[in-house]
Structures are given as structure tokens and as C-alpha cells.
């Protein structure tokens, strides 16, 4: 007669510390520890991973939120294994300068690079996917629930969803109903609110961005912001007086803002703006240090418009070098409603 014992085992792996160093082996369910182990198992060292970002996500996001990885692989390849582990932490695989870089899409507060006619080779192209009658109206997430270790399903719906055309997702490595629901709700919200696409071409400036970089886009349609070169910036009674290379269009009854692209390519602002003494000048409360305007370096770019329409907030989805000096870039719209259920709980 055979005796059978059921158990839940926890893998013992070296720990990824908050500073990116590696600690002693210990029982772990941490996403970062598994990602590093997968890479190490094929003979690649830590220099093949962006350890700083892996450690940041582990210490600041995955562990505090209880986003663990609980899964046993039967047979797979390295890329699929990393994808599976990162997906449990609502993150994705990307390559940056030859290194594996985990990317998590989250609420953004700080702009990265800015793109406008000042650094675009071809004009900004915009398109949108209209809502259609046969769109998915719900998401169903299948996962293994740790309460009994059985296959379970959680329904993810927005108000008004009938659930007649449901997209089904299998989520490996997640064993908690709330986490599975949050994953599904994030996906459902992205389906509904992330429907605008952008494309443009730059010179080498486009290589400064990364996958899912949060960027402001400005085109040639002045109803959605303007761009110009900063000619000068000086003190005007404690405020900044900016002169630009282009005349600026002010709209009566609207509040306006101004932002600028600094020497590193990142966008600073926006700040409340008012008309200056000429049609190509702005007065704004911009904190110091102010950008340097010099013939020895590329001048700052200025972004200007109304509070709600000075740019198109976007997330970079593809960076495709075309030659030694041209880069094609694709992006989707950023919409904070995508993240609205990240801290909520299923009601059923």
C-alpha cells in the first residue's frame, strides 16, 4: 500500500536585494528572484539584466503589493519563462541596450522625452479605433486558486458590460483571486480607453526613449498645442520671460501652460503661462534652475497650449531604427482610467 502526501513547496533561490545586490539563498516567491534565476540557469550573469530596475520593482512594487510568482514549469523556453514570471507582476519583458529590462505600466507623473515638429522628421500621424458592436465587452481570467489549488475563473466587467463577447485570458503564476481580477480589469480598461495610435519619425533623438516611456507629443495642429525653439529666458519680476521662435496662439477664456524640453531631452512642466510683451513671448512661474540657451548646444524646445490640450500624452510602444540616423516610433494614448482598479477588489 502506498502513502501519498500533498505539499506546497517554496523554491529556495538567491535573493535580489533592494540595492540590486544578491543575498543568500532563501525560500522565495518573489518575481525578481525567479527572473534572475531563469537568466542564471542559461549561463548568463547579472550583467544581462537591468538589475537596478529589477530591484526597484521588487522592493517598491511587487513585494509591497503582494504580487508573487507561484508556478511550476513543465517545458518552455527562456523568453516564455521570463514573460510568465513578469506577467505575474503585471510587467513585461523588454530589451534595453542588450539587457533584459522589466517594464511595468503604471500611473505616471513625470514626463520623459518630448517629441514635436522641432525634432520630428515626418509629421505626427494620429488615428483612433472606434468602438464597434462586436468589440469584447468583458474579460474572463482563468487562474489556479491557492484555496484548494483548483482551476478558477474570475469575471472582469465595466459598468454596462453585458459579457456577451468575453475575451478569455489564462494567467499562470497568480494564485490569488484579487490579483487575477485586477489583471483582468487592467486589460479590460485598456481595451476601452487605450484606442488612439500615434506614429512619427525622428533622427537619433528617438533612441532616447524606451518601451512604454511616458511622453508628450505635439503635432502641427495648433488646436492641440504648439511647439517652438526657446530663443531666450530671463527674469521678469521673479517669473520667467521666454521668447520663442514662433508666434503663439492664445485662446480667449482659456488657461494656458508652457513646458520645455531640457538638455537631457526630458520635458519639464507644464507651468501656468500668461502672454508676454510680444506675440512670441510667454511669462510663466518656472522654478530655477532655468534651461541654458546657448549656441554651443541644442536649444530647449518649448511646448505651449491650453491646460487640457497642450499635448497628446502617450506611451511609446515601438522604436524601430530605419538607418544610421532615422528612427520610426509608434505610441498609444495614455489614459489614467486604465489603472482605476489597480487597488480595488472584486465584488462577487
Protein backbone atom coordinates (compact mmCIF):
# COMPACT_ATOMS: atom_id res chain seq x y z
CA UNK A 1 0.00 0.00 0.00
CA UNK A 2 1.40 3.39 -0.99
CA UNK A 3 1.11 6.51 1.14
CA UNK A 4 0.70 9.87 -0.63
CA UNK A 5 1.45 13.23 0.88
CA UNK A 6 0.38 16.53 -0.65
CA UNK A 7 2.58 19.53 -0.02
CA UNK A 8 3.10 23.09 -1.16
CA UNK A 9 6.81 23.70 -1.70
CA UNK A 10 8.60 27.04 -1.92
CA UNK A 11 11.69 27.31 -4.11
CA UNK A 12 14.96 28.34 -2.45
CA UNK A 13 16.80 30.93 -4.55
CA UNK A 14 19.32 33.74 -4.05
CA UNK A 15 17.52 36.94 -3.09
CA UNK A 16 17.59 40.13 -5.17
CA UNK A 17 18.17 42.89 -2.62
CA UNK A 18 16.69 46.39 -2.84
CA UNK A 19 20.05 47.83 -3.94
CA UNK A 20 20.46 45.31 -6.76
CA UNK A 21 22.98 43.13 -4.96
CA UNK A 22 22.38 39.42 -4.43
CA UNK A 23 21.77 37.98 -0.99
CA UNK A 24 21.84 34.48 0.44
CA UNK A 25 19.52 31.79 -0.86
CA UNK A 26 16.19 31.57 0.94
CA UNK A 27 12.63 30.39 0.32
CA UNK A 28 11.10 32.88 -2.07
CA UNK A 29 8.03 33.62 -4.18
CA UNK A 30 9.46 36.91 -5.41
CA UNK A 31 9.14 37.67 -9.13
CA UNK A 32 12.61 39.25 -9.25
CA UNK A 33 14.32 36.20 -7.75
CA UNK A 34 12.74 33.93 -10.37
CA UNK A 35 13.60 36.22 -13.27
CA UNK A 36 17.23 36.34 -12.19
CA UNK A 37 17.28 32.56 -11.65
CA UNK A 38 15.91 31.92 -15.15
CA UNK A 39 18.65 34.07 -16.70
CA UNK A 40 21.31 32.50 -14.49
CA UNK A 41 20.16 28.99 -15.47
CA UNK A 42 21.31 29.55 -19.07
CA UNK A 43 24.75 30.73 -18.01
CA UNK A 44 24.13 34.47 -18.27
CA UNK A 45 25.22 36.70 -15.42
CA UNK A 46 23.59 39.69 -13.77
CA UNK A 47 25.14 41.93 -16.41
CA UNK A 48 22.49 40.58 -18.82
CA UNK A 49 19.73 42.18 -16.71
CA UNK A 50 18.93 45.74 -15.76
CA UNK A 51 19.37 44.85 -12.10
CA UNK A 52 18.61 48.36 -10.87
CA UNK A 53 15.13 48.30 -12.40
CA UNK A 54 14.51 44.68 -11.39
CA UNK A 55 15.42 45.53 -7.79
CA UNK A 56 13.32 48.72 -7.82
CA UNK A 57 10.21 46.90 -8.98
CA UNK A 58 10.81 44.14 -6.46
CA UNK A 59 11.30 46.42 -3.45
CA UNK A 60 8.84 49.20 -4.33
CA UNK A 61 6.07 47.46 -6.25
CA UNK A 62 5.85 43.67 -6.37
CA UNK A 63 6.58 42.80 -2.74
CA UNK A 64 4.62 45.66 -1.12
CA UNK A 65 1.61 44.80 -3.29
CA UNK A 66 1.87 41.07 -2.61
CA UNK A 67 2.47 40.28 -6.27
CA UNK A 68 4.23 36.92 -6.11
CA UNK A 69 5.01 34.22 -8.65
CA UNK A 70 3.69 30.71 -7.87
CA UNK A 71 4.21 28.35 -10.76
CA UNK A 72 5.93 25.14 -11.83
CA UNK A 73 7.18 24.99 -15.42
CA UNK A 74 6.91 21.73 -17.32
CA UNK A 75 8.70 22.69 -20.51
CA UNK A 76 9.23 26.11 -22.04
CA UNK A 77 11.90 28.43 -23.42
CA UNK A 78 13.72 31.20 -21.61
CA UNK A 79 11.76 34.08 -23.13
CA UNK A 80 8.39 32.48 -22.32
CA UNK A 81 9.53 31.71 -18.77
CA UNK A 82 10.59 35.32 -18.16
CA UNK A 83 7.35 36.58 -19.73
CA UNK A 84 5.32 34.33 -17.42
CA UNK A 85 7.14 35.45 -14.30
CA UNK A 86 6.91 39.15 -15.15
CA UNK A 87 3.25 38.86 -16.08
CA UNK A 88 2.52 37.77 -12.52
CA UNK A 89 3.86 41.19 -11.51
CA UNK A 90 1.79 42.96 -14.19
CA UNK A 91 5.02 43.68 -16.05
CA UNK A 92 6.58 42.94 -19.42
CA UNK A 93 9.87 41.89 -20.96
CA UNK A 94 11.86 44.41 -22.96
CA UNK A 95 15.43 44.76 -24.19
CA UNK A 96 17.42 47.92 -23.48
CA UNK A 97 20.97 48.23 -24.79
CA UNK A 98 21.23 44.45 -24.94
CA UNK A 99 19.97 43.94 -21.38
CA UNK A 100 16.71 42.44 -20.16
CA UNK A 101 14.64 45.25 -18.67
CA UNK A 102 11.36 44.58 -16.84
CA UNK A 103 8.72 47.21 -17.64
CA UNK A 104 5.60 47.83 -15.59
CA UNK A 105 2.86 50.10 -16.91
CA UNK A 106 1.67 52.26 -14.02
CA UNK A 107 0.22 55.67 -13.27
CA UNK A 108 2.71 58.27 -14.48
CA UNK A 109 3.54 61.66 -13.00
CA UNK A 110 6.86 62.61 -14.64
CA UNK A 111 7.35 63.21 -18.34
CA UNK A 112 10.24 61.64 -20.18
CA UNK A 113 11.32 62.73 -23.67
CA UNK A 114 9.26 65.18 -25.71
CA UNK A 115 8.52 64.99 -29.43
CA UNK A 116 7.24 67.80 -31.63
CA UNK A 117 7.90 69.28 -35.09
CA UNK A 118 11.15 70.58 -33.58
CA UNK A 119 12.62 67.06 -33.55
CA UNK A 120 10.31 65.12 -35.87
CA UNK A 121 11.44 64.38 -39.40
CA UNK A 122 7.93 63.48 -40.54
CA UNK A 123 4.70 64.97 -39.13
CA UNK A 124 2.85 63.30 -36.30
CA UNK A 125 0.20 60.91 -37.58
CA UNK A 126 -2.87 60.19 -35.46
CA UNK A 127 -5.55 57.52 -35.72
CA UNK A 128 -8.23 56.05 -33.47
CA UNK A 129 -10.11 52.77 -33.24
CA UNK A 130 -13.85 53.49 -32.99
CA UNK A 131 -15.97 51.37 -30.69
CA UNK A 132 -17.76 48.65 -32.69
CA UNK A 133 -20.74 46.44 -31.91
CA UNK A 134 -18.57 43.31 -31.94
CA UNK A 135 -15.93 44.60 -29.50
CA UNK A 136 -15.22 42.50 -26.43
CA UNK A 137 -17.48 43.56 -23.57
CA UNK A 138 -15.74 41.78 -20.74
CA UNK A 139 -12.71 39.75 -19.71
CA UNK A 140 -12.57 36.31 -18.10
CA UNK A 141 -9.36 35.36 -16.29
CA UNK A 142 -8.55 31.70 -15.62
CA UNK A 143 -6.06 31.00 -12.83
CA UNK A 144 -5.18 28.39 -10.20
CA UNK A 145 -6.57 29.45 -6.81
CA UNK A 146 -4.41 28.67 -3.78
CA UNK A 147 -7.59 27.96 -1.83
CA UNK A 148 -7.74 24.29 -2.80
CA UNK A 149 -5.35 24.62 -5.76
CA UNK A 150 -8.18 24.32 -8.24
CA UNK A 151 -8.73 25.97 -11.59
CA UNK A 152 -10.87 29.06 -11.07
CA UNK A 153 -12.34 31.85 -13.17
CA UNK A 154 -12.95 35.49 -12.28
CA UNK A 155 -15.14 37.78 -14.38
CA UNK A 156 -13.94 41.31 -15.11
CA UNK A 157 -16.60 43.80 -16.18
CA UNK A 158 -17.00 47.54 -16.52
CA UNK A 159 -20.37 49.20 -15.92
CA UNK A 160 -22.55 48.49 -18.93
CA UNK A 161 -20.69 45.33 -19.97
CA UNK A 162 -23.15 42.59 -20.89
CA UNK A 163 -20.50 39.89 -21.04
CA UNK A 164 -21.71 38.58 -24.40
CA UNK A 165 -18.32 38.75 -26.15
CA UNK A 166 -15.80 37.95 -23.45
CA UNK A 167 -12.06 37.75 -24.01
CA UNK A 168 -10.57 34.79 -22.12
CA UNK A 169 -7.12 35.05 -20.54
CA UNK A 170 -5.12 32.30 -18.84
CA UNK A 171 -2.93 33.77 -16.10
CA UNK A 172 -0.16 31.45 -14.91
CA UNK A 173 1.73 32.11 -11.69
CA UNK A 174 -1.06 34.06 -9.98
CA UNK A 175 -2.95 32.16 -7.28
CA UNK A 176 -4.97 34.97 -5.72
CA UNK A 177 -8.47 35.95 -6.88
CA UNK A 178 -7.99 39.66 -6.27
CA UNK A 179 -4.76 39.79 -8.26
CA UNK A 180 -6.32 37.85 -11.13
CA UNK A 181 -9.27 40.26 -11.13
CA UNK A 182 -7.01 43.32 -11.09
CA UNK A 183 -5.05 41.92 -14.03
CA UNK A 184 -8.26 41.35 -15.96
CA UNK A 185 -9.68 44.76 -15.10
CA UNK A 186 -6.47 46.47 -16.21
CA UNK A 187 -6.76 44.62 -19.53
CA UNK A 188 -10.46 45.43 -19.87
CA UNK A 189 -9.87 49.11 -19.18
CA UNK A 190 -7.02 49.25 -21.69
CA UNK A 191 -9.34 47.75 -24.31
CA UNK A 192 -11.86 50.53 -23.70
CA UNK A 193 -9.72 53.59 -23.04
CA UNK A 194 -6.50 52.99 -24.98
CA UNK A 195 -7.70 53.29 -28.58
CA UNK A 196 -5.61 56.10 -30.10
CA UNK A 197 -2.42 55.47 -32.02
CA UNK A 198 0.42 57.80 -32.95
CA UNK A 199 3.38 57.43 -35.28
CA UNK A 200 6.22 59.72 -36.28
CA UNK A 201 9.84 59.72 -37.36
CA UNK A 202 12.82 61.37 -35.71
CA UNK A 203 16.54 61.44 -36.13
CA UNK A 204 18.58 59.84 -33.34
CA UNK A 205 16.52 61.61 -30.66
CA UNK A 206 14.04 58.75 -30.83
CA UNK A 207 16.62 56.37 -29.36
CA UNK A 208 16.40 58.25 -26.06
CA UNK A 209 13.01 56.68 -25.38
CA UNK A 210 12.26 53.16 -24.19
CA UNK A 211 9.33 50.80 -24.33
CA UNK A 212 6.38 52.43 -22.51
CA UNK A 213 8.18 55.73 -21.99
CA UNK A 214 5.65 58.41 -20.98
CA UNK A 215 5.98 61.25 -23.47
CA UNK A 216 4.14 64.38 -24.59
CA UNK A 217 3.52 64.56 -28.34
CA UNK A 218 2.86 67.82 -30.17
CA UNK A 219 1.86 67.95 -33.82
CA UNK A 220 1.21 70.74 -36.29
CA UNK A 221 -2.48 71.18 -35.40
CA UNK A 222 -2.48 74.27 -33.19
CA UNK A 223 -5.78 73.22 -31.58
CA UNK A 224 -3.70 70.61 -29.74
CA UNK A 225 -0.65 72.57 -28.64
CA UNK A 226 2.20 74.39 -30.30
CA UNK A 227 5.94 73.93 -30.26
CA UNK A 228 8.83 76.30 -30.83
CA UNK A 229 12.51 76.84 -30.08
CA UNK A 230 13.39 78.77 -26.93
CA UNK A 231 15.29 81.87 -28.07
CA UNK A 232 15.91 83.28 -24.59
CA UNK A 233 14.79 83.06 -20.97
CA UNK A 234 15.26 85.84 -18.42
CA UNK A 235 13.95 87.14 -15.10
CA UNK A 236 10.80 89.23 -15.13
CA UNK A 237 10.00 90.21 -11.56
CA UNK A 238 10.64 86.71 -10.25
CA UNK A 239 8.93 84.99 -13.17
CA UNK A 240 10.46 83.62 -16.34
CA UNK A 241 10.13 85.65 -19.53
CA UNK A 242 10.55 83.33 -22.51
CA UNK A 243 10.96 84.37 -26.12
CA UNK A 244 10.20 81.73 -28.74
CA UNK A 245 10.99 81.24 -32.41
CA UNK A 246 7.30 81.15 -33.34
CA UNK A 247 4.29 83.39 -32.56
CA UNK A 248 1.95 81.84 -30.01
CA UNK A 249 -1.80 81.46 -30.32
CA UNK A 250 -3.75 82.40 -27.18
CA UNK A 251 -7.40 81.36 -26.85
CA UNK A 252 -9.71 83.79 -25.06
CA UNK A 253 -11.24 82.46 -21.86
CA UNK A 254 -8.81 79.53 -21.61
CA UNK A 255 -5.98 78.92 -19.14
CA UNK A 256 -2.64 78.24 -20.81
CA UNK A 257 0.51 76.36 -19.84
CA UNK A 258 4.08 76.07 -21.05
CA UNK A 259 6.64 73.27 -20.75
CA UNK A 260 10.14 72.85 -22.10
CA UNK A 261 12.49 70.09 -23.18
CA UNK A 262 15.74 70.23 -21.23
CA UNK A 263 19.29 69.41 -22.33
CA UNK A 264 18.78 65.72 -21.47
CA UNK A 265 15.70 65.54 -23.70
CA UNK A 266 13.20 65.24 -20.83
CA UNK A 267 10.19 67.51 -20.56
CA UNK A 268 9.81 69.83 -17.57
CA UNK A 269 6.40 71.26 -16.71
CA UNK A 270 3.81 72.27 -17.62
CA UNK A 271 3.58 75.60 -15.78
CA UNK A 272 0.84 78.23 -15.78
CA UNK A 273 1.53 80.80 -18.50
CA UNK A 274 0.37 84.28 -19.45
CA UNK A 275 1.09 86.45 -22.52
CA UNK A 276 4.39 88.30 -22.69
CA UNK A 277 5.05 91.70 -24.27
CA UNK A 278 5.16 90.30 -27.82
CA UNK A 279 3.31 87.62 -29.76
CA UNK A 280 6.24 85.25 -29.41
CA UNK A 281 6.80 85.62 -25.67
CA UNK A 282 5.46 83.98 -22.51
CA UNK A 283 5.57 84.82 -18.82
CA UNK A 284 5.48 81.78 -16.54
CA UNK A 285 6.20 80.65 -12.98
CA UNK A 286 9.05 78.28 -13.83
CA UNK A 287 11.26 77.20 -10.92
CA UNK A 288 15.00 77.56 -11.24
CA UNK A 289 17.43 76.37 -12.43
CA UNK A 290 16.22 77.54 -15.82
CA UNK A 291 17.36 75.88 -19.04
CA UNK A 292 20.51 77.18 -20.70
CA UNK A 293 20.12 78.82 -24.10
CA UNK A 294 23.46 78.73 -25.91
CA UNK A 295 24.77 78.41 -29.45
CA UNK A 296 27.08 75.70 -28.12
CA UNK A 297 24.23 73.25 -27.55
CA UNK A 298 20.82 72.38 -28.92
CA UNK A 299 18.35 74.99 -27.66
CA UNK A 300 15.44 73.95 -25.45
CA UNK A 301 12.15 73.15 -27.13
CA UNK A 302 9.01 74.92 -25.91
CA UNK A 303 5.56 73.30 -25.70
CA UNK A 304 2.57 75.60 -25.31
CA UNK A 305 -1.22 75.37 -25.28
CA UNK A 306 -4.33 75.25 -23.14
CA UNK A 307 -4.32 73.32 -19.88
CA UNK A 308 -6.09 70.27 -21.29
CA UNK A 309 -4.82 70.32 -24.88
CA UNK A 310 -1.16 71.37 -24.87
CA UNK A 311 -0.03 67.88 -25.93
CA UNK A 312 -1.09 64.30 -26.59
CA UNK A 313 0.01 62.21 -23.57
CA UNK A 314 1.34 58.92 -24.93
CA UNK A 315 3.20 55.70 -24.16
CA UNK A 316 5.88 54.53 -26.59
CA UNK A 317 5.11 51.06 -27.94
CA UNK A 318 7.73 50.59 -30.65
CA UNK A 319 11.10 52.11 -31.54
CA UNK A 320 12.33 50.98 -34.93
CA UNK A 321 15.65 52.34 -36.29
CA UNK A 322 15.45 52.70 -40.07
CA UNK A 323 19.03 53.63 -40.86
CA UNK A 324 22.05 55.14 -39.17
CA UNK A 325 20.19 58.37 -38.46
CA UNK A 326 16.41 57.81 -38.66
CA UNK A 327 14.01 56.22 -36.17
CA UNK A 328 10.33 55.31 -36.58
CA UNK A 329 8.29 55.49 -33.39
CA UNK A 330 4.81 54.23 -32.55
CA UNK A 331 2.79 55.10 -29.45
CA UNK A 332 -0.65 54.78 -27.85
CA UNK A 333 -2.58 57.27 -25.79
CA UNK A 334 -2.04 57.45 -22.04
CA UNK A 335 -5.30 57.39 -20.07
CA UNK A 336 -5.31 57.29 -16.27
CA UNK A 337 -8.64 55.43 -16.30
CA UNK A 338 -6.73 52.30 -17.35
CA UNK A 339 -5.34 51.98 -13.79
CA UNK A 340 -8.53 52.78 -11.84
CA UNK A 341 -8.99 49.23 -10.45
CA UNK A 342 -5.37 48.53 -9.54
CA UNK A 343 -6.18 48.82 -5.83
CA UNK A 344 -9.81 47.68 -5.88
CA UNK A 345 -11.35 44.29 -5.11
CA UNK A 346 -13.81 42.03 -6.93
CA UNK A 347 -17.37 42.42 -5.72
CA UNK A 348 -18.59 38.87 -6.30
